[in-house]
């Protein structure tokens, strides 16, 4: 492996924090990546835990079939 392809030669990328839209360093030096801080990471985790973020449910609604007296 040449020195040009060694992991140390990569420059860390600056990305937008998903929580606050601030700049975040996407690097192994940032333990909160892709977030900029522990606070932003915790806010995102809390939103998932309280079900603020949900995946869409594509399950069709239950339908009633047959005679309603037998239901």
PDB file of N, CA and C in Angstrom:
ATOM      1  N   UNK A   1       0.852  -1.167   0.000  1.00  0.00           N
ATOM      2  CA  UNK A   1       0.000   0.000   0.000  1.00  0.00           C
ATOM      3  C   UNK A   1       0.900   1.233   0.000  1.00  0.00           C
ATOM      4  N   UNK A   2       0.664   2.126  -0.924  1.00  0.00           N
ATOM      5  CA  UNK A   2       1.489   3.333  -0.978  1.00  0.00           C
ATOM      6  C   UNK A   2       1.019   4.333   0.066  1.00  0.00           C
ATOM      7  N   UNK A   3       1.880   5.319   0.331  1.00  0.00           N
ATOM      8  CA  UNK A   3       1.544   6.332   1.325  1.00  0.00           C
ATOM      9  C   UNK A   3       0.344   7.176   0.901  1.00  0.00           C
ATOM     10  N   UNK A   4       0.103   7.326  -0.396  1.00  0.00           N
ATOM     11  CA  UNK A   4      -1.004   8.152  -0.879  1.00  0.00           C
ATOM     12  C   UNK A   4      -2.361   7.513  -0.575  1.00  0.00           C
ATOM     13  N   UNK A   5      -2.398   6.187  -0.438  1.00  0.00           N
ATOM     14  CA  UNK A   5      -3.662   5.519  -0.162  1.00  0.00           C
ATOM     15  C   UNK A   5      -3.818   5.147   1.308  1.00  0.00           C
ATOM     16  N   UNK A   6      -2.894   5.519   2.137  1.00  0.00           N
ATOM     17  CA  UNK A   6      -2.975   5.215   3.560  1.00  0.00           C
ATOM     18  C   UNK A   6      -4.128   5.996   4.186  1.00  0.00           C
ATOM     19  N   UNK A   7      -4.829   5.417   5.168  1.00  0.00           N
ATOM     20  CA  UNK A   7      -5.970   6.097   5.790  1.00  0.00           C
ATOM     21  C   UNK A   7      -5.619   7.467   6.378  1.00  0.00           C
ATOM     22  N   UNK A   8      -4.385   7.663   6.796  1.00  0.00           N
ATOM     23  CA  UNK A   8      -3.999   8.938   7.393  1.00  0.00           C
ATOM     24  C   UNK A   8      -4.020  10.070   6.366  1.00  0.00           C
ATOM     25  N   UNK A   9      -3.985   9.744   5.066  1.00  0.00           N
ATOM     26  CA  UNK A   9      -3.913  10.775   4.043  1.00  0.00           C
ATOM     27  C   UNK A   9      -5.287  11.359   3.697  1.00  0.00           C
ATOM     28  N   UNK A  10      -6.370  10.759   4.198  1.00  0.00           N
ATOM     29  CA  UNK A  10      -7.700  11.272   3.907  1.00  0.00           C
ATOM     30  C   UNK A  10      -7.998  12.493   4.749  1.00  0.00           C
ATOM     31  N   UNK A  11      -8.555  13.523   4.100  1.00  0.00           N
ATOM     32  CA  UNK A  11      -8.990  14.699   4.840  1.00  0.00           C
ATOM     33  C   UNK A  11     -10.398  14.452   5.352  1.00  0.00           C
ATOM     34  N   UNK A  12     -10.669  14.751   6.616  1.00  0.00           N
ATOM     35  CA  UNK A  12     -12.038  14.583   7.120  1.00  0.00           C
ATOM     36  C   UNK A  12     -13.000  15.501   6.368  1.00  0.00           C
ATOM     37  N   UNK A  13     -14.185  15.015   6.145  1.00  0.00           N
ATOM     38  CA  UNK A  13     -15.201  15.770   5.425  1.00  0.00           C
ATOM     39  C   UNK A  13     -16.066  16.550   6.395  1.00  0.00           C
ATOM     40  N   UNK A  14     -16.483  17.715   6.008  1.00  0.00           N
ATOM     41  CA  UNK A  14     -17.418  18.504   6.792  1.00  0.00           C
ATOM     42  C   UNK A  14     -18.809  18.259   6.212  1.00  0.00           C
ATOM     43  N   UNK A  15     -19.733  17.792   7.054  1.00  0.00           N
ATOM     44  CA  UNK A  15     -21.088  17.483   6.611  1.00  0.00           C
ATOM     45  C   UNK A  15     -22.084  18.271   7.459  1.00  0.00           C
ATOM     46  N   UNK A  16     -23.330  18.295   7.008  1.00  0.00           N
ATOM     47  CA  UNK A  16     -24.385  18.978   7.748  1.00  0.00           C
ATOM     48  C   UNK A  16     -24.919  18.041   8.824  1.00  0.00           C
ATOM     49  N   UNK A  17     -24.993  18.527  10.060  1.00  0.00           N
ATOM     50  CA  UNK A  17     -25.539  17.741  11.168  1.00  0.00           C
ATOM     51  C   UNK A  17     -27.027  17.509  10.907  1.00  0.00           C
ATOM     52  N   UNK A  18     -27.504  16.252  10.981  1.00  0.00           N
ATOM     53  CA  UNK A  18     -28.909  15.968  10.715  1.00  0.00           C
ATOM     54  C   UNK A  18     -29.866  16.601  11.735  1.00  0.00           C
ATOM     55  N   UNK A  19     -29.377  16.926  12.916  1.00  0.00           N
ATOM     56  CA  UNK A  19     -30.252  17.455  13.956  1.00  0.00           C
ATOM     57  C   UNK A  19     -30.351  18.979  13.926  1.00  0.00           C
ATOM     58  N   UNK A  20     -29.218  19.668  13.840  1.00  0.00           N
ATOM     59  CA  UNK A  20     -29.234  21.133  13.955  1.00  0.00           C
ATOM     60  C   UNK A  20     -28.840  21.847  12.673  1.00  0.00           C
ATOM     61  N   UNK A  21     -28.428  21.099  11.660  1.00  0.00           N
ATOM     62  CA  UNK A  21     -27.999  21.630  10.359  1.00  0.00           C
ATOM     63  C   UNK A  21     -26.690  22.413  10.446  1.00  0.00           C
ATOM     64  N   UNK A  22     -25.992  22.333  11.561  1.00  0.00           N
ATOM     65  CA  UNK A  22     -24.671  22.945  11.678  1.00  0.00           C
ATOM     66  C   UNK A  22     -23.615  22.078  11.020  1.00  0.00           C
ATOM     67  N   UNK A  23     -22.397  22.555  10.980  1.00  0.00           N
ATOM     68  CA  UNK A  23     -21.306  21.798  10.381  1.00  0.00           C
ATOM     69  C   UNK A  23     -20.792  20.741  11.365  1.00  0.00           C
ATOM     70  N   UNK A  24     -20.546  19.563  10.848  1.00  0.00           N
ATOM     71  CA  UNK A  24     -20.050  18.449  11.645  1.00  0.00           C
ATOM     72  C   UNK A  24     -18.880  17.810  10.907  1.00  0.00           C
ATOM     73  N   UNK A  25     -17.866  17.439  11.641  1.00  0.00           N
ATOM     74  CA  UNK A  25     -16.701  16.786  11.053  1.00  0.00           C
ATOM     75  C   UNK A  25     -16.979  15.287  10.981  1.00  0.00           C
ATOM     76  N   UNK A  26     -17.029  14.752   9.759  1.00  0.00           N
ATOM     77  CA  UNK A  26     -17.268  13.322   9.575  1.00  0.00           C
ATOM     78  C   UNK A  26     -15.923  12.625   9.552  1.00  0.00           C
ATOM     79  N   UNK A  27     -15.506  12.221  10.738  1.00  0.00           N
ATOM     80  CA  UNK A  27     -14.190  11.624  10.906  1.00  0.00           C
ATOM     81  C   UNK A  27     -14.223  10.713  12.120  1.00  0.00           C
ATOM     82  N   UNK A  28     -13.294   9.786  12.192  1.00  0.00           N
ATOM     83  CA  UNK A  28     -13.211   8.911  13.369  1.00  0.00           C
ATOM     84  C   UNK A  28     -12.846   9.709  14.617  1.00  0.00           C
ATOM     85  N   UNK A  29     -12.357  10.931  14.442  1.00  0.00           N
ATOM     86  CA  UNK A  29     -12.052  11.794  15.573  1.00  0.00           C
ATOM     87  C   UNK A  29     -13.330  12.351  16.212  1.00  0.00           C
ATOM     88  N   UNK A  30     -14.451  12.296  15.506  1.00  0.00           N
ATOM     89  CA  UNK A  30     -15.731  12.773  16.029  1.00  0.00           C
ATOM     90  C   UNK A  30     -16.563  11.564  16.452  1.00  0.00           C
ATOM     91  N   UNK A  31     -16.669  11.277  17.746  1.00  0.00           N
ATOM     92  CA  UNK A  31     -17.406  10.088  18.184  1.00  0.00           C
ATOM     93  C   UNK A  31     -18.911  10.189  17.968  1.00  0.00           C
ATOM     94  N   UNK A  32     -19.420  11.366  17.630  1.00  0.00           N
ATOM     95  CA  UNK A  32     -20.861  11.569  17.458  1.00  0.00           C
ATOM     96  C   UNK A  32     -21.280  11.581  15.994  1.00  0.00           C
ATOM     97  N   UNK A  33     -20.333  11.337  15.061  1.00  0.00           N
ATOM     98  CA  UNK A  33     -20.642  11.455  13.642  1.00  0.00           C
ATOM     99  C   UNK A  33     -21.859  10.637  13.267  1.00  0.00           C
ATOM    100  N   UNK A  34     -22.734  11.090  12.452  1.00  0.00           N
ATOM    101  CA  UNK A  34     -22.695  12.307  11.652  1.00  0.00           C
ATOM    102  C   UNK A  34     -23.168  13.552  12.401  1.00  0.00           C
ATOM    103  N   UNK A  35     -23.469  13.413  13.681  1.00  0.00           N
ATOM    104  CA  UNK A  35     -23.921  14.559  14.469  1.00  0.00           C
ATOM    105  C   UNK A  35     -22.730  15.395  14.915  1.00  0.00           C
ATOM    106  N   UNK A  36     -23.010  16.647  15.276  1.00  0.00           N
ATOM    107  CA  UNK A  36     -21.916  17.531  15.665  1.00  0.00           C
ATOM    108  C   UNK A  36     -21.599  17.435  17.152  1.00  0.00           C
ATOM    109  N   UNK A  37     -22.523  16.915  17.960  1.00  0.00           N
ATOM    110  CA  UNK A  37     -22.299  16.870  19.401  1.00  0.00           C
ATOM    111  C   UNK A  37     -23.132  15.764  20.037  1.00  0.00           C
ATOM    112  N   UNK A  38     -22.850  15.502  21.320  1.00  0.00           N
ATOM    113  CA  UNK A  38     -23.621  14.513  22.066  1.00  0.00           C
ATOM    114  C   UNK A  38     -25.071  14.974  22.203  1.00  0.00           C
ATOM    115  N   UNK A  39     -25.283  16.282  22.336  1.00  0.00           N
ATOM    116  CA  UNK A  39     -26.633  16.818  22.464  1.00  0.00           C
ATOM    117  C   UNK A  39     -27.461  16.501  21.216  1.00  0.00           C
ATOM    118  N   UNK A  40     -26.917  16.775  20.033  1.00  0.00           N
ATOM    119  CA  UNK A  40     -27.645  16.508  18.790  1.00  0.00           C
ATOM    120  C   UNK A  40     -27.920  15.018  18.618  1.00  0.00           C
ATOM    121  N   UNK A  41     -26.970  14.189  18.986  1.00  0.00           N
ATOM    122  CA  UNK A  41     -27.167  12.740  18.890  1.00  0.00           C
ATOM    123  C   UNK A  41     -28.284  12.301  19.837  1.00  0.00           C
ATOM    124  N   UNK A  42     -28.315  12.864  21.046  1.00  0.00           N
ATOM    125  CA  UNK A  42     -29.349  12.536  22.023  1.00  0.00           C
ATOM    126  C   UNK A  42     -30.723  13.028  21.608  1.00  0.00           C
ATOM    127  N   UNK A  43     -30.791  14.211  21.007  1.00  0.00           N
ATOM    128  CA  UNK A  43     -32.066  14.746  20.526  1.00  0.00           C
ATOM    129  C   UNK A  43     -32.639  13.820  19.452  1.00  0.00           C
ATOM    130  N   UNK A  44     -31.800  13.357  18.538  1.00  0.00           N
ATOM    131  CA  UNK A  44     -32.247  12.456  17.477  1.00  0.00           C
ATOM    132  C   UNK A  44     -32.715  11.123  18.062  1.00  0.00           C
ATOM    133  N   UNK A  45     -31.966  10.576  18.989  1.00  0.00           N
ATOM    134  CA  UNK A  45     -32.349   9.317  19.625  1.00  0.00           C
ATOM    135  C   UNK A  45     -33.673   9.473  20.354  1.00  0.00           C
ATOM    136  N   UNK A  46     -33.852  10.592  21.057  1.00  0.00           N
ATOM    137  CA  UNK A  46     -35.106  10.848  21.769  1.00  0.00           C
ATOM    138  C   UNK A  46     -36.288  10.951  20.821  1.00  0.00           C
ATOM    139  N   UNK A  47     -36.083  11.540  19.650  1.00  0.00           N
ATOM    140  CA  UNK A  47     -37.160  11.657  18.664  1.00  0.00           C
ATOM    141  C   UNK A  47     -37.579  10.281  18.160  1.00  0.00           C
ATOM    142  N   UNK A  48     -36.609   9.398  17.936  1.00  0.00           N
ATOM    143  CA  UNK A  48     -36.953   8.031  17.507  1.00  0.00           C
ATOM    144  C   UNK A  48     -37.654   7.288  18.639  1.00  0.00           C
ATOM    145  N   UNK A  49     -37.162   7.449  19.880  1.00  0.00           N
ATOM    146  CA  UNK A  49     -37.730   6.729  21.019  1.00  0.00           C
ATOM    147  C   UNK A  49     -39.168   7.158  21.303  1.00  0.00           C
ATOM    148  N   UNK A  50     -39.474   8.437  21.081  1.00  0.00           N
ATOM    149  CA  UNK A  50     -40.832   8.923  21.324  1.00  0.00           C
ATOM    150  C   UNK A  50     -41.720   8.799  20.093  1.00  0.00           C
ATOM    151  N   UNK A  51     -41.204   8.132  19.079  1.00  0.00           N
ATOM    152  CA  UNK A  51     -41.912   7.853  17.835  1.00  0.00           C
ATOM    153  C   UNK A  51     -42.298   9.112  17.060  1.00  0.00           C
ATOM    154  N   UNK A  52     -41.498  10.178  17.198  1.00  0.00           N
ATOM    155  CA  UNK A  52     -41.698  11.355  16.355  1.00  0.00           C
ATOM    156  C   UNK A  52     -41.328  11.018  14.912  1.00  0.00           C
ATOM    157  N   UNK A  53     -40.341  10.157  14.752  1.00  0.00           N
ATOM    158  CA  UNK A  53     -39.952   9.677  13.431  1.00  0.00           C
ATOM    159  C   UNK A  53     -40.579   8.305  13.255  1.00  0.00           C
ATOM    160  N   UNK A  54     -41.338   8.138  12.193  1.00  0.00           N
ATOM    161  CA  UNK A  54     -41.968   6.846  11.935  1.00  0.00           C
ATOM    162  C   UNK A  54     -41.794   6.487  10.474  1.00  0.00           C
ATOM    163  N   UNK A  55     -41.701   5.211  10.201  1.00  0.00           N
ATOM    164  CA  UNK A  55     -41.717   4.721   8.837  1.00  0.00           C
ATOM    165  C   UNK A  55     -43.175   4.547   8.443  1.00  0.00           C
ATOM    166  N   UNK A  56     -43.517   4.830   7.210  1.00  0.00           N
ATOM    167  CA  UNK A  56     -44.918   4.701   6.815  1.00  0.00           C
ATOM    168  C   UNK A  56     -45.403   3.257   6.902  1.00  0.00           C
ATOM    169  N   UNK A  57     -46.647   3.111   7.318  1.00  0.00           N
ATOM    170  CA  UNK A  57     -47.262   1.793   7.421  1.00  0.00           C
ATOM    171  C   UNK A  57     -48.118   1.581   6.184  1.00  0.00           C
ATOM    172  N   UNK A  58     -47.707   0.672   5.322  1.00  0.00           N
ATOM    173  CA  UNK A  58     -48.423   0.413   4.078  1.00  0.00           C
ATOM    174  C   UNK A  58     -49.434  -0.718   4.207  1.00  0.00           C
ATOM    175  N   UNK A  59     -49.737  -1.124   5.434  1.00  0.00           N
ATOM    176  CA  UNK A  59     -50.691  -2.197   5.652  1.00  0.00           C
ATOM    177  C   UNK A  59     -52.097  -1.683   5.346  1.00  0.00           C
ATOM    178  N   UNK A  60     -52.844  -2.396   4.510  1.00  0.00           N
ATOM    179  CA  UNK A  60     -54.206  -1.939   4.220  1.00  0.00           C
ATOM    180  C   UNK A  60     -55.090  -2.067   5.460  1.00  0.00           C
ATOM    181  N   UNK A  61     -56.109  -1.221   5.572  1.00  0.00           N
ATOM    182  CA  UNK A  61     -56.987  -1.311   6.752  1.00  0.00           C
ATOM    183  C   UNK A  61     -57.768  -2.617   6.750  1.00  0.00           C
ATOM    184  N   UNK A  62     -58.131  -3.063   7.933  1.00  0.00           N
ATOM    185  CA  UNK A  62     -58.956  -4.263   8.041  1.00  0.00           C
ATOM    186  C   UNK A  62     -60.311  -3.972   7.416  1.00  0.00           C
ATOM    187  N   UNK A  63     -60.799  -4.914   6.634  1.00  0.00           N
ATOM    188  CA  UNK A  63     -62.092  -4.737   5.994  1.00  0.00           C
ATOM    189  C   UNK A  63     -63.060  -5.764   6.551  1.00  0.00           C
ATOM    190  N   UNK A  64     -64.294  -5.389   6.597  1.00  0.00           N
ATOM    191  CA  UNK A  64     -65.333  -6.285   7.088  1.00  0.00           C
ATOM    192  C   UNK A  64     -65.918  -7.036   5.904  1.00  0.00           C
ATOM    193  N   UNK A  65     -65.931  -8.346   5.998  1.00  0.00           N
ATOM    194  CA  UNK A  65     -66.490  -9.190   4.938  1.00  0.00           C
ATOM    195  C   UNK A  65     -67.656  -9.982   5.502  1.00  0.00           C
ATOM    196  N   UNK A  66     -68.613 -10.228   4.648  1.00  0.00           N
ATOM    197  CA  UNK A  66     -69.720 -11.100   5.052  1.00  0.00           C
ATOM    198  C   UNK A  66     -70.787 -10.362   5.834  1.00  0.00           C
ATOM    199  N   UNK A  67     -71.602 -11.144   6.456  1.00  0.00           N
ATOM    200  CA  UNK A  67     -72.741 -10.638   7.208  1.00  0.00           C
ATOM    201  C   UNK A  67     -72.253 -10.001   8.513  1.00  0.00           C
ATOM    202  N   UNK A  68     -72.588  -8.708   8.760  1.00  0.00           N
ATOM    203  CA  UNK A  68     -72.118  -8.048   9.978  1.00  0.00           C
ATOM    204  C   UNK A  68     -72.663  -8.677  11.255  1.00  0.00           C
ATOM    205  N   UNK A  69     -73.766  -9.440  11.156  1.00  0.00           N
ATOM    206  CA  UNK A  69     -74.306 -10.099  12.351  1.00  0.00           C
ATOM    207  C   UNK A  69     -73.388 -11.206  12.851  1.00  0.00           C
ATOM    208  N   UNK A  70     -72.526 -11.733  12.000  1.00  0.00           N
ATOM    209  CA  UNK A  70     -71.618 -12.824  12.378  1.00  0.00           C
ATOM    210  C   UNK A  70     -70.273 -12.305  12.852  1.00  0.00           C
ATOM    211  N   UNK A  71     -70.136 -11.024  12.941  1.00  0.00           N
ATOM    212  CA  UNK A  71     -68.830 -10.429  13.303  1.00  0.00           C
ATOM    213  C   UNK A  71     -68.733 -10.217  14.795  1.00  0.00           C
TER     214      UNK A  71
END
